[in-house]
Amino acid sequence: MASNHIKKLQNVSVKRALISVSDKTGILEFASGLHKHRIEIISTGGTARLLRESGIPVTDVSDITGFPECLDGRVKTLHPKIHGGLLARPGNREHAETLKEMEIKPIQLVVVNLYPFEEAIATRPDDTEHAIENIDIGGPAMVRASAKNLENVCIVTHPDQYVKILGEIDRNNGSISAAIRASFAVRAFLLTASYDLAISTYMSDEIEKAFEDARDLALEPEISQSLYLKAPLFKKLRYGENPHQPGAVYGDPGSYIDSFHGKELSYNNYLDMDAALQLGADFSDSTQALCGIFKHSLPCGAALADSPLEAWEKAFSTDTISPFGGIILFNRPVDIETAESVDKIFSEIILAPDYSADALELLSRKSNRRLIRIRKWPDGSVPQIRSTVGGYLWQHSDTGFRRESHKVVTQVKPDRKQQATLEFAWIVAKHVKSNAIVYAKDLQTAGVGTGQPNRVDSSRIAAQKAEQFGHNLRGSVVASDAFFPFADGVEEAARAGATAVIQPGGSIRDDEVIKKADELGIAMIFTGVRHFRH
């Protein structure tokens, strides 16, 4: 069995440090601390000028290499005198002899942060030349070389590490421990991996725009051979799904939501909000007000109406028990009338594009209610990733409502009012866990059946809940997230009072299902698209 080389590493005494930073936050204080320990500082370009102007002795990289910076600064540190000093193992006899022969001095501390590529593309997204000039070459090369040689070199890549390094040097008489070098090396490799991923993502998009045949050249295959995730820590959470599970959220939720009132959002809050926002996104272009009510990431009521208040009242009437402690979503600003009605029950979260001043004053009185402003709707650009045994599942988001694929397959055709409610129910069903059945009437949910092993049970549960909360399903419509495998699903819907059905179709018994619908005088639409949600 091979020995663990890293466990045997010793402290390294710092004699020379190379500093080349784009972000100069805290660099003067840090360099001053190194100088107090009589550590020679080597630097480049603007960093060297800043240090020298501040009275800190510095040696230019060009004085080490014997070559000036050239090609508009593209070439500075790419030289054996630098990389030999970073990669050499002085304890190795051959390396020591080479260093002496080539007059290369080892470098024990490297402080590098990279050109701000992501900032460059964010501020000038359409300027590809500017983006390319902000692709750092020398920086990542030094970072990787130093991290590889963690036996002899400490690599520092962020200003938040400066205090720790100076503390190490103070405590250890000018030395840095192996543990610090190893942990900083890991962070350095994560940085370069993240940096390259940002570049490859941007470049693949730009190249695809520039060349029509880019996809044919496999520059961006639909299914990648490896899965790479780049998501910075957004916030540590108190815990995950349950108190004994550590949790955190990564990425950029803040670009979609502004949580401006109430307690910190929890892991489960994020799950519920995502479910609600996905529904809202599917109605983002609606000319009517939408209200969606969610509990444990499941819709327990949804409605379209002329005003947020009417939408709320219709959605709440679907199930007047489950919304307590739930998530309430609006696609329009919340006014005082709506706020007064919503305030009658306890809700964990209210999400809306905005709130009137008096609505905000009222809703803010409850400190344990979280208020969220919706900054933008999800657009399906973020793929769905879930863990599975031994790995991950990846898929494109389930986006879009393809009305053009809908086909009436029965003798009875839905009228205009039925058509609108069928389309509404179909979108809601997409957000219900499979097997999903949604009864709707007058652009509001009347009964929701979710998560059952068979579709008939889901239909029965939806009908039972409608009856429980006083909804007459006579004249309603029903949406199913997947095809009815047998005619009994249509029979169950007709028994409940439905007069129209929308479903994907695609069963080997479609003919039997259509025949039964015709016998019962029910209109049926096939969408050609399934919406399983597990």
Protein backbone atom coordinates (compact mmCIF):
# COMPACT_ATOMS: atom_id res chain seq x y z
CA MET A 1 0.00 0.00 0.00
CA ALA A 2 1.34 3.42 -0.97
CA SER A 3 2.17 5.74 1.93
CA ASN A 4 0.29 9.00 2.46
CA HIS A 5 2.93 11.46 1.35
CA ILE A 6 0.97 14.51 2.53
CA LYS A 7 0.85 13.32 6.15
CA LYS A 8 4.66 13.43 6.26
CA LEU A 9 5.02 17.04 5.15
CA GLN A 10 6.81 19.52 7.39
CA ASN A 11 6.62 23.28 7.94
CA VAL A 12 8.10 25.41 5.17
CA SER A 13 10.18 28.49 6.01
CA VAL A 14 9.17 31.41 3.75
CA LYS A 15 12.10 33.29 2.21
CA ARG A 16 10.53 34.53 -1.03
CA ALA A 17 6.95 35.43 -1.93
CA LEU A 18 5.46 36.15 -5.36
CA ILE A 19 2.47 38.51 -5.37
CA SER A 20 0.36 39.12 -8.47
CA VAL A 21 -3.22 40.13 -7.76
CA SER A 22 -6.10 41.59 -9.71
CA ASP A 23 -8.14 42.23 -6.55
CA LYS A 24 -5.84 44.38 -4.40
CA THR A 25 -8.06 44.33 -1.32
CA GLY A 26 -5.83 44.15 1.77
CA ILE A 27 -2.67 43.55 -0.22
CA LEU A 28 -0.70 46.49 1.25
CA GLU A 29 -1.26 45.34 4.83
CA PHE A 30 -0.43 41.77 3.88
CA ALA A 31 2.77 42.68 1.98
CA SER A 32 3.82 44.95 4.85
CA GLY A 33 3.45 42.00 7.22
CA LEU A 34 5.65 39.85 4.98
CA HIS A 35 8.25 42.61 4.76
CA LYS A 36 8.44 42.80 8.57
CA HIS A 37 9.54 39.17 8.50
CA ARG A 38 12.25 40.04 5.92
CA ILE A 39 10.56 37.99 3.21
CA GLU A 40 11.65 39.00 -0.31
CA ILE A 41 8.66 40.08 -2.40
CA ILE A 42 8.50 39.52 -6.16
CA SER A 43 5.66 41.11 -8.09
CA THR A 44 4.26 42.13 -11.47
CA GLY A 45 2.86 45.23 -13.17
CA GLY A 46 0.32 47.23 -11.21
CA THR A 47 0.80 45.21 -8.04
CA ALA A 48 4.54 45.96 -8.03
CA ARG A 49 3.90 49.68 -8.60
CA LEU A 50 1.39 49.83 -5.75
CA LEU A 51 3.77 48.12 -3.32
CA ARG A 52 6.73 50.27 -4.34
CA GLU A 53 4.74 53.51 -4.07
CA SER A 54 3.73 52.43 -0.56
CA GLY A 55 7.35 52.03 0.47
CA ILE A 56 7.43 48.24 0.41
CA PRO A 57 10.59 46.85 -1.28
CA VAL A 58 9.71 44.73 -4.28
CA THR A 59 11.56 42.91 -7.07
CA ASP A 60 9.97 42.98 -10.51
CA VAL A 61 9.35 39.63 -12.18
CA SER A 62 11.13 40.98 -15.25
CA ASP A 63 14.29 41.39 -13.16
CA ILE A 64 14.07 37.69 -12.28
CA THR A 65 13.32 36.42 -15.78
CA GLY A 66 15.46 38.87 -17.73
CA PHE A 67 12.53 39.54 -20.03
CA PRO A 68 10.09 42.46 -19.92
CA GLU A 69 6.33 41.94 -19.84
CA CYS A 70 5.17 41.70 -23.45
CA LEU A 71 2.18 41.26 -25.76
CA ASP A 72 0.08 43.78 -23.87
CA GLY A 73 0.79 42.00 -20.60
CA ARG A 74 -0.30 38.58 -21.87
CA VAL A 75 3.14 37.20 -21.01
CA LYS A 76 4.58 38.06 -17.60
CA THR A 77 5.31 35.06 -15.42
CA LEU A 78 5.45 32.23 -17.98
CA HIS A 79 9.18 31.59 -17.60
CA PRO A 80 11.42 28.82 -16.15
CA LYS A 81 12.88 31.24 -13.60
CA ILE A 82 9.37 31.59 -12.14
CA HIS A 83 7.85 28.17 -12.67
CA GLY A 84 11.09 26.44 -11.79
CA GLY A 85 10.97 28.28 -8.48
CA LEU A 86 7.36 27.16 -7.96
CA LEU A 87 7.68 23.52 -8.98
CA ALA A 88 11.13 22.59 -7.67
CA ARG A 89 11.55 20.16 -4.77
CA PRO A 90 14.75 21.45 -3.11
CA GLY A 91 15.00 18.30 -1.03
CA ASN A 92 15.41 16.28 -4.23
CA ARG A 93 19.10 16.15 -5.15
CA GLU A 94 18.54 16.39 -8.91
CA HIS A 95 16.18 19.33 -8.45
CA ALA A 96 18.67 21.07 -6.16
CA GLU A 97 21.44 20.64 -8.71
CA THR A 98 19.21 21.98 -11.50
CA LEU A 99 18.25 25.01 -9.45
CA LYS A 100 21.92 25.77 -8.82
CA GLU A 101 22.92 25.19 -12.43
CA MET A 102 20.11 27.38 -13.84
CA GLU A 103 20.37 29.99 -11.07
CA ILE A 104 16.72 29.55 -10.03
CA LYS A 105 15.70 30.43 -6.50
CA PRO A 106 12.73 28.60 -4.91
CA ILE A 107 9.56 30.53 -4.08
CA GLN A 108 7.72 29.39 -0.95
CA LEU A 109 4.65 31.65 -0.95
CA VAL A 110 2.48 32.62 -3.93
CA VAL A 111 -0.34 35.15 -3.69
CA VAL A 112 -2.45 35.22 -6.84
CA ASN A 113 -6.04 36.04 -7.68
CA LEU A 114 -7.30 35.87 -11.21
CA TYR A 115 -8.56 38.34 -13.79
CA PRO A 116 -12.27 38.98 -12.98
CA PHE A 117 -13.68 37.07 -15.93
CA GLU A 118 -17.22 36.72 -14.58
CA GLU A 119 -17.34 40.40 -13.68
CA ALA A 120 -16.14 41.25 -17.20
CA ILE A 121 -18.93 39.29 -18.91
CA ALA A 122 -21.52 40.60 -16.45
CA THR A 123 -20.67 44.26 -17.09
CA ARG A 124 -20.12 43.90 -20.85
CA PRO A 125 -22.03 40.74 -21.87
CA ASP A 126 -21.94 41.40 -25.60
CA ASP A 127 -18.23 42.26 -25.82
CA THR A 128 -16.49 38.96 -26.55
CA GLU A 129 -13.12 40.63 -27.15
CA HIS A 130 -13.28 42.15 -23.66
CA ALA A 131 -14.23 38.75 -22.26
CA ILE A 132 -11.34 37.00 -23.97
CA GLU A 133 -8.83 39.59 -22.73
CA ASN A 134 -10.06 38.84 -19.21
CA ILE A 135 -9.18 35.15 -19.48
CA ASP A 136 -6.21 34.78 -17.15
CA ILE A 137 -3.39 32.51 -18.35
CA GLY A 138 -0.36 33.17 -16.15
CA GLY A 139 -2.44 33.34 -12.98
CA PRO A 140 -4.04 29.86 -13.22
CA ALA A 141 -0.68 28.42 -14.30
CA MET A 142 0.99 29.77 -11.13
CA VAL A 143 -1.94 28.70 -8.96
CA ARG A 144 -1.88 25.14 -10.25
CA ALA A 145 1.91 24.87 -10.10
CA SER A 146 1.99 26.11 -6.51
CA ALA A 147 -0.89 23.88 -5.44
CA LYS A 148 0.78 20.86 -7.03
CA ASN A 149 3.96 21.61 -5.08
CA LEU A 150 2.17 21.98 -1.74
CA GLU A 151 5.13 20.10 -0.26
CA ASN A 152 7.21 23.26 -0.65
CA VAL A 153 4.86 26.11 -1.58
CA CYS A 154 1.82 27.78 -0.03
CA ILE A 155 -0.73 29.16 -2.52
CA VAL A 156 -3.01 32.03 -1.40
CA THR A 157 -5.90 32.88 -3.74
CA HIS A 158 -8.20 35.19 -1.77
CA PRO A 159 -7.82 38.21 0.55
CA ASP A 160 -9.76 36.37 3.27
CA GLN A 161 -6.70 34.12 3.69
CA TYR A 162 -4.22 36.90 4.45
CA VAL A 163 -4.84 37.12 8.20
CA LYS A 164 -4.45 33.38 8.64
CA ILE A 165 -1.15 33.31 6.74
CA LEU A 166 0.33 36.22 8.68
CA GLY A 167 -0.78 34.56 11.90
CA GLU A 168 0.96 31.33 10.83
CA ILE A 169 4.16 33.16 10.00
CA ASP A 170 4.08 35.04 13.31
CA ARG A 171 3.50 31.88 15.37
CA ASN A 172 5.95 29.67 13.50
CA ASN A 173 8.92 32.06 13.18
CA GLY A 174 8.46 32.63 9.46
CA SER A 175 7.13 29.17 8.56
CA ILE A 176 3.79 27.85 7.24
CA SER A 177 2.40 24.49 8.37
CA ALA A 178 1.65 21.58 6.08
CA ALA A 179 -2.03 21.60 7.10
CA ILE A 180 -2.49 25.19 5.91
CA ARG A 181 -0.63 24.55 2.67
CA ALA A 182 -2.71 21.45 1.95
CA SER A 183 -6.07 23.10 2.66
CA PHE A 184 -5.14 26.17 0.62
CA ALA A 185 -4.04 23.92 -2.27
CA VAL A 186 -7.46 22.28 -2.35
CA ARG A 187 -9.13 25.68 -2.44
CA ALA A 188 -6.78 26.72 -5.25
CA PHE A 189 -7.71 23.73 -7.41
CA LEU A 190 -11.40 24.44 -6.80
CA LEU A 191 -10.80 28.03 -7.92
CA THR A 192 -9.15 27.08 -11.21
CA ALA A 193 -11.82 24.44 -11.91
CA SER A 194 -14.58 27.00 -11.27
CA TYR A 195 -12.78 29.63 -13.35
CA ASP A 196 -12.39 27.33 -16.35
CA LEU A 197 -16.02 26.22 -16.09
CA ALA A 198 -17.19 29.84 -16.24
CA ILE A 199 -15.04 30.43 -19.31
CA SER A 200 -16.12 27.25 -21.11
CA THR A 201 -19.79 27.97 -20.42
CA TYR A 202 -19.54 31.51 -21.77
CA MET A 203 -17.43 30.55 -24.79
CA SER A 204 -19.66 27.65 -25.79
CA ASP A 205 -22.68 29.99 -25.80
CA GLU A 206 -20.85 32.66 -27.81
CA ILE A 207 -19.44 30.17 -30.31
CA GLU A 208 -22.87 28.65 -30.83
CA LYS A 209 -24.22 32.14 -31.61
CA ALA A 210 -21.36 32.83 -34.03
CA PHE A 211 -21.39 29.57 -35.96
CA GLU A 212 -24.60 27.91 -37.12
CA ASP A 213 -22.97 24.49 -37.29
CA ALA A 214 -21.52 24.69 -33.76
CA ARG A 215 -23.84 21.99 -32.47
CA ASP A 216 -22.83 19.72 -35.34
CA LEU A 217 -19.22 20.23 -34.29
CA ALA A 218 -20.14 18.96 -30.82
CA LEU A 219 -18.93 22.14 -29.14
CA GLU A 220 -21.80 21.84 -26.69
CA PRO A 221 -23.23 18.32 -26.65
CA GLU A 222 -26.76 18.04 -25.27
CA ILE A 223 -25.60 15.45 -22.76
CA SER A 224 -22.12 16.13 -21.41
CA GLN A 225 -19.70 13.28 -20.72
CA SER A 226 -19.14 14.66 -17.20
CA LEU A 227 -21.22 16.71 -14.80
CA TYR A 228 -19.63 19.89 -13.49
CA LEU A 229 -21.36 22.08 -10.93
CA LYS A 230 -20.36 25.67 -10.33
CA ALA A 231 -22.35 27.26 -7.55
CA PRO A 232 -20.87 29.46 -4.83
CA LEU A 233 -22.17 29.18 -1.29
CA PHE A 234 -25.15 31.53 -1.03
CA LYS A 235 -26.01 30.92 2.59
CA LYS A 236 -25.56 28.37 5.35
CA LEU A 237 -28.90 27.18 6.69
CA ARG A 238 -29.79 26.36 10.27
CA TYR A 239 -30.27 22.77 9.12
CA GLY A 240 -31.53 20.75 6.18
CA GLU A 241 -34.85 18.98 5.78
CA ASN A 242 -34.69 17.93 9.44
CA PRO A 243 -32.79 19.40 12.42
CA HIS A 244 -30.17 16.62 12.47
CA GLN A 245 -29.18 17.28 8.82
CA PRO A 246 -26.70 20.12 8.06
CA GLY A 247 -27.87 22.25 5.15
CA ALA A 248 -26.89 25.10 2.85
CA VAL A 249 -28.06 26.78 -0.33
CA TYR A 250 -25.69 27.39 -3.25
CA GLY A 251 -25.92 29.47 -6.39
CA ASP A 252 -27.72 32.79 -6.82
CA PRO A 253 -31.27 32.66 -5.40
CA GLY A 254 -30.95 36.38 -4.67
CA SER A 255 -31.30 37.19 -8.35
CA TYR A 256 -34.79 35.65 -8.31
CA ILE A 257 -36.12 36.53 -4.86
CA ASP A 258 -35.67 39.23 -2.24
CA SER A 259 -36.47 37.90 1.23
CA PHE A 260 -36.91 41.23 2.99
CA HIS A 261 -39.03 40.45 6.06
CA GLY A 262 -39.25 37.63 8.58
CA LYS A 263 -37.07 34.80 9.76
CA GLU A 264 -34.22 33.29 7.75
CA LEU A 265 -35.43 30.99 5.01
CA SER A 266 -35.09 27.28 5.73
CA TYR A 267 -34.19 24.34 3.50
CA ASN A 268 -37.87 23.38 3.22
CA ASN A 269 -38.82 27.01 2.51
CA TYR A 270 -36.51 27.00 -0.50
CA LEU A 271 -38.11 23.79 -1.79
CA ASP A 272 -41.62 25.18 -1.37
CA MET A 273 -40.73 28.53 -2.94
CA ASP A 274 -39.18 26.82 -5.94
CA ALA A 275 -42.36 24.82 -6.51
CA ALA A 276 -44.47 27.98 -6.26
CA LEU A 277 -42.19 30.04 -8.52
CA GLN A 278 -42.19 27.33 -11.19
CA LEU A 279 -45.99 27.50 -11.29
CA GLY A 280 -45.88 31.28 -11.42
CA ALA A 281 -43.41 31.16 -14.29
CA ASP A 282 -45.86 29.10 -16.35
CA PHE A 283 -48.45 31.87 -15.88
CA SER A 284 -46.01 34.79 -16.11
CA ASP A 285 -47.53 36.02 -19.39
CA SER A 286 -51.12 35.66 -18.20
CA THR A 287 -53.32 38.74 -18.52
CA GLN A 288 -55.12 37.68 -15.33
CA ALA A 289 -54.06 37.62 -11.71
CA LEU A 290 -52.80 34.28 -10.43
CA CYS A 291 -52.77 32.95 -6.90
CA GLY A 292 -51.12 29.62 -6.10
CA ILE A 293 -51.08 28.07 -2.64
CA PHE A 294 -48.48 25.41 -1.81
CA LYS A 295 -47.88 23.10 1.13
CA HIS A 296 -44.92 20.70 1.26
CA SER A 297 -44.13 21.67 -2.36
CA LEU A 298 -47.61 20.58 -3.54
CA PRO A 299 -50.28 22.94 -4.90
CA CYS A 300 -53.38 22.80 -2.72
CA GLY A 301 -55.14 25.58 -4.60
CA ALA A 302 -54.69 27.78 -7.66
CA ALA A 303 -56.85 30.23 -9.59
CA LEU A 304 -56.88 32.92 -12.23
CA ALA A 305 -59.12 35.96 -11.80
CA ASP A 306 -59.44 39.66 -12.57
CA SER A 307 -57.78 40.74 -9.30
CA PRO A 308 -55.33 39.27 -6.76
CA LEU A 309 -58.09 39.27 -4.11
CA GLU A 310 -60.48 37.28 -6.27
CA ALA A 311 -57.69 34.89 -7.29
CA TRP A 312 -56.78 34.37 -3.62
CA GLU A 313 -60.39 33.73 -2.58
CA LYS A 314 -60.92 31.23 -5.39
CA ALA A 315 -57.61 29.43 -4.75
CA PHE A 316 -58.19 29.29 -0.98
CA SER A 317 -61.67 27.85 -1.46
CA THR A 318 -60.14 24.75 -3.10
CA ASP A 319 -58.96 23.50 0.30
CA THR A 320 -59.48 25.74 3.32
CA ILE A 321 -57.41 23.57 5.69
CA SER A 322 -54.09 22.86 3.94
CA PRO A 323 -53.08 26.51 3.31
CA PHE A 324 -52.43 27.10 7.03
CA GLY A 325 -48.66 27.38 7.38
CA GLY A 326 -48.30 27.25 3.60
CA ILE A 327 -46.80 29.30 0.78
CA ILE A 328 -48.92 31.87 -1.08
CA LEU A 329 -47.84 33.11 -4.51
CA PHE A 330 -49.17 36.02 -6.56
CA ASN A 331 -48.15 37.12 -10.03
CA ARG A 332 -49.41 40.66 -9.39
CA PRO A 333 -48.59 43.20 -6.65
CA VAL A 334 -50.51 42.62 -3.42
CA ASP A 335 -52.93 45.42 -2.50
CA ILE A 336 -54.43 46.15 0.92
CA GLU A 337 -57.70 44.30 0.23
CA THR A 338 -55.80 41.15 -0.68
CA ALA A 339 -53.45 41.55 2.29
CA GLU A 340 -56.39 41.87 4.71
CA SER A 341 -57.91 38.66 3.44
CA VAL A 342 -54.65 36.71 3.39
CA ASP A 343 -53.80 37.96 6.86
CA LYS A 344 -56.76 36.06 8.32
CA ILE A 345 -54.75 32.81 8.21
CA PHE A 346 -51.18 32.01 9.20
CA SER A 347 -48.87 31.56 6.23
CA GLU A 348 -45.15 30.80 6.24
CA ILE A 349 -44.34 32.80 3.10
CA ILE A 350 -46.00 35.23 0.73
CA LEU A 351 -44.36 35.79 -2.65
CA ALA A 352 -45.34 38.60 -5.00
CA PRO A 353 -43.69 40.99 -7.47
CA ASP A 354 -44.44 43.84 -5.04
CA TYR A 355 -46.69 45.09 -2.23
CA SER A 356 -48.56 48.35 -1.77
CA ALA A 357 -47.36 50.44 1.17
CA ASP A 358 -50.45 49.75 3.30
CA ALA A 359 -50.40 46.03 2.42
CA LEU A 360 -46.75 45.86 3.41
CA GLU A 361 -47.41 47.62 6.71
CA LEU A 362 -50.17 45.14 7.58
CA LEU A 363 -48.35 41.97 6.51
CA SER A 364 -45.13 43.02 8.26
CA ARG A 365 -46.82 43.02 11.66
CA LYS A 366 -46.25 39.27 11.94
CA SER A 367 -42.53 38.76 12.48
CA ASN A 368 -42.65 35.02 11.78
CA ARG A 369 -44.14 35.50 8.33
CA ARG A 370 -41.61 35.73 5.52
CA LEU A 371 -42.30 38.25 2.78
CA ILE A 372 -40.63 37.79 -0.59
CA ARG A 373 -40.40 40.06 -3.62
CA ILE A 374 -40.13 38.17 -6.88
CA ARG A 375 -37.34 39.76 -8.91
CA LYS A 376 -37.72 37.51 -11.94
CA TRP A 377 -39.37 34.23 -12.86
CA PRO A 378 -37.45 31.00 -13.47
CA ASP A 379 -36.98 30.53 -17.20
CA GLY A 380 -35.93 26.88 -17.36
CA SER A 381 -32.30 27.76 -18.08
CA VAL A 382 -31.15 25.97 -14.92
CA PRO A 383 -31.23 22.18 -15.42
CA GLN A 384 -32.66 19.91 -12.76
CA ILE A 385 -30.12 17.87 -10.80
CA ARG A 386 -30.93 15.33 -8.10
CA SER A 387 -28.81 12.88 -6.20
CA THR A 388 -29.37 9.17 -6.69
CA VAL A 389 -27.62 6.07 -5.41
CA GLY A 390 -23.94 6.48 -6.31
CA GLY A 391 -24.37 9.58 -8.43
CA TYR A 392 -26.67 12.22 -9.87
CA LEU A 393 -29.64 12.52 -12.21
CA TRP A 394 -29.65 15.39 -14.72
CA GLN A 395 -32.36 16.68 -17.01
CA HIS A 396 -33.56 19.81 -18.77
CA SER A 397 -36.30 21.67 -16.96
CA ASP A 398 -39.88 20.83 -17.95
CA THR A 399 -40.73 24.10 -19.65
CA GLY A 400 -43.23 25.41 -22.11
CA PHE A 401 -46.88 25.01 -22.91
CA ARG A 402 -47.19 23.77 -26.48
CA ARG A 403 -50.76 24.60 -27.40
CA GLU A 404 -49.99 23.75 -31.02
CA SER A 405 -49.58 20.07 -30.10
CA HIS A 406 -53.07 19.83 -28.57
CA LYS A 407 -55.62 17.77 -30.47
CA VAL A 408 -59.31 17.20 -29.80
CA VAL A 409 -59.87 13.44 -30.22
CA THR A 410 -63.57 13.09 -29.33
CA GLN A 411 -66.81 13.81 -31.12
CA VAL A 412 -67.71 16.46 -28.56
CA LYS A 413 -65.54 19.55 -28.82
CA PRO A 414 -64.77 21.76 -25.80
CA ASP A 415 -66.33 25.19 -25.91
CA ARG A 416 -64.30 28.36 -25.40
CA LYS A 417 -64.82 28.45 -21.63
CA GLN A 418 -63.95 24.77 -21.25
CA GLN A 419 -60.87 25.24 -23.42
CA ALA A 420 -59.51 27.99 -21.16
CA THR A 421 -60.12 25.97 -18.00
CA LEU A 422 -58.63 22.83 -19.56
CA GLU A 423 -55.44 24.73 -20.36
CA PHE A 424 -55.37 26.16 -16.83
CA ALA A 425 -55.84 22.71 -15.25
CA TRP A 426 -53.19 21.20 -17.52
CA ILE A 427 -50.56 23.70 -16.39
CA VAL A 428 -51.45 23.19 -12.72
CA ALA A 429 -51.29 19.39 -13.15
CA LYS A 430 -47.71 19.76 -14.33
CA HIS A 431 -46.81 20.97 -10.82
CA VAL A 432 -48.63 18.19 -8.94
CA LYS A 433 -46.76 15.01 -7.95
CA SER A 434 -47.58 11.96 -10.06
CA ASN A 435 -50.00 10.40 -10.39
CA ALA A 436 -51.62 13.80 -10.76
CA ILE A 437 -55.30 14.55 -11.27
CA VAL A 438 -56.67 18.11 -11.16
CA TYR A 439 -60.34 19.03 -11.33
CA ALA A 440 -60.99 22.65 -12.25
CA LYS A 441 -63.96 24.90 -12.84
CA ASP A 442 -64.10 28.54 -13.91
CA LEU A 443 -60.29 28.90 -13.90
CA GLN A 444 -59.82 27.60 -10.37
CA THR A 445 -58.85 24.27 -8.91
CA ALA A 446 -61.73 22.36 -7.34
CA GLY A 447 -59.96 19.14 -6.35
CA VAL A 448 -56.35 17.97 -6.45
CA GLY A 449 -55.29 14.32 -6.25
CA THR A 450 -51.56 13.74 -5.94
CA GLY A 451 -48.87 11.15 -5.40
CA GLN A 452 -50.96 7.98 -5.63
CA PRO A 453 -49.70 4.68 -7.06
CA ASN A 454 -52.59 4.57 -9.52
CA ARG A 455 -54.49 7.24 -11.43
CA VAL A 456 -57.98 6.14 -10.41
CA ASP A 457 -57.13 6.61 -6.72
CA SER A 458 -55.80 10.09 -7.48
CA SER A 459 -59.06 10.89 -9.29
CA ARG A 460 -61.16 9.62 -6.38
CA ILE A 461 -59.14 11.59 -3.84
CA ALA A 462 -59.46 14.77 -5.92
CA ALA A 463 -63.23 14.28 -6.17
CA GLN A 464 -63.52 13.53 -2.44
CA LYS A 465 -61.57 16.67 -1.52
CA ALA A 466 -63.78 18.72 -3.84
CA GLU A 467 -66.86 17.38 -2.06
CA GLN A 468 -65.24 17.95 1.37
CA PHE A 469 -64.81 21.66 0.62
CA GLY A 470 -68.19 22.17 -1.00
CA HIS A 471 -67.29 22.12 -4.70
CA ASN A 472 -69.82 20.73 -7.14
CA LEU A 473 -67.85 19.08 -9.94
CA ARG A 474 -70.80 19.02 -12.33
CA GLY A 475 -69.54 20.78 -15.46
CA SER A 476 -65.91 20.70 -14.34
CA VAL A 477 -62.87 19.66 -16.38
CA VAL A 478 -60.11 17.27 -15.37
CA ALA A 479 -56.41 17.21 -16.22
CA SER A 480 -54.14 14.17 -15.94
CA ASP A 481 -50.34 14.47 -16.04
CA ALA A 482 -50.02 11.18 -17.97
CA PHE A 483 -52.28 9.08 -20.17
CA PHE A 484 -55.22 7.10 -18.87
CA PRO A 485 -54.09 3.49 -19.31
CA PHE A 486 -57.68 2.24 -19.13
CA ALA A 487 -61.14 3.62 -19.76
CA ASP A 488 -61.93 3.51 -16.01
CA GLY A 489 -60.10 6.83 -15.52
CA VAL A 490 -62.58 8.55 -17.84
CA GLU A 491 -65.49 6.77 -16.15
CA GLU A 492 -64.30 8.04 -12.76
CA ALA A 493 -64.07 11.60 -14.11
CA ALA A 494 -67.57 11.43 -15.59
CA ARG A 495 -68.95 9.96 -12.37
CA ALA A 496 -67.54 12.99 -10.52
CA GLY A 497 -69.27 15.34 -12.97
CA ALA A 498 -66.48 16.31 -15.38
CA THR A 499 -67.50 17.16 -18.94
CA ALA A 500 -64.03 17.53 -20.47
CA VAL A 501 -60.63 15.87 -20.07
CA ILE A 502 -57.11 16.91 -21.02
CA GLN A 503 -54.35 14.29 -21.00
CA PRO A 504 -51.21 13.41 -23.00
CA GLY A 505 -52.57 10.34 -24.78
CA GLY A 506 -50.20 7.64 -25.93
CA SER A 507 -51.70 4.56 -24.27
CA ILE A 508 -52.04 1.35 -26.27
CA ARG A 509 -55.70 1.57 -25.23
CA ASP A 510 -56.25 5.14 -26.43
CA ASP A 511 -59.00 3.92 -28.77
CA GLU A 512 -60.88 2.37 -25.82
CA VAL A 513 -60.47 5.55 -23.77
CA ILE A 514 -61.69 7.77 -26.61
CA LYS A 515 -64.63 5.44 -27.27
CA LYS A 516 -65.66 5.58 -23.61
CA ALA A 517 -65.41 9.40 -23.63
CA ASP A 518 -67.67 9.49 -26.70
CA GLU A 519 -70.16 7.16 -25.00
CA LEU A 520 -70.23 9.46 -21.97
CA GLY A 521 -70.46 12.64 -24.04
CA ILE A 522 -67.15 13.98 -22.72
CA ALA A 523 -64.78 16.21 -24.70
CA MET A 524 -61.16 15.08 -24.64
CA ILE A 525 -57.90 16.74 -25.66
CA PHE A 526 -54.62 14.92 -26.22
CA THR A 527 -51.60 17.17 -25.56
CA GLY A 528 -48.90 14.79 -26.81
CA VAL A 529 -46.74 15.82 -23.82
CA ARG A 530 -46.43 14.05 -20.46
CA HIS A 531 -45.71 15.90 -17.21
CA PHE A 532 -44.55 13.33 -14.67
CA ARG A 533 -43.25 14.88 -11.46
CA HIS A 534 -41.55 12.61 -8.94
